[in-house]
């Protein structure tokens, strides 16, 4: 749909009769008026926890939301519902969003893309009702939940490489120092290094910490170039849209 259809507004809704169609007009109006690039139908602020019959789904939604707000959120963009299947999009979002996921990770990827690219986000509380009797969800609580969490950490590595690899480097450096300090203290006291393997492991870990930090710097530079290219891409799309109108 994103690749083949050109429209002023795109609406995505799960086909399981759990979302009310009445909110579609409000969500689309926010996009059409230029107030949002993605409107999120927020279930968690309304009836989700009462209607949802799978308790681990509620826990998973809260966990995913917390991770994304820790890694990408701020006072301006605090995401309430990440996994909702009820959304409205602007052409700017649709034509710049690279669809890479093939499963239930897609909602997570959409949310992170909007946050990372500083696109306009709005949330609209929507009521939620449980699935009709006789219908079954394709979502597997555990395997799909793990995929979603892995998607968050992979995208964090891709979108914020300096923070990711600096954290890895810091952990390695702390472990390296924890191994090195006792060996060094023994050397100062006796002039001997009885635990040579520990010293070697400590040195290797410190080298790995340094390399991790350098990798983060290099990848962050490439990431900044990608962001510059993305801004130019958005300007081009905006110009094409203006000409079409």
Foldseek 3Di string as FASTA:
>chain_A
DLVPDDDQKDKWADPQPFFDPPCVVVQRVCSNVPQFQKEAAAAVVACCCVADPPVLVVVLQVVLLVLCCVLQNDPQDRDRGQQHRTMMGGNLLSNLQDQDDDDSLRSVSSVNVCRLLVGRYHYDYTHTHYGPPPDDDPDDSPPVSVVNVVVSVVVSCQSQVLVVLLVVLVVLLVVLCVLVVVQVVVCVVPVDRPPVVSNVSSVVSNVSSVVSNVVSVVSVVVNVVVSVVSVVVSVVVVVVVVVVD
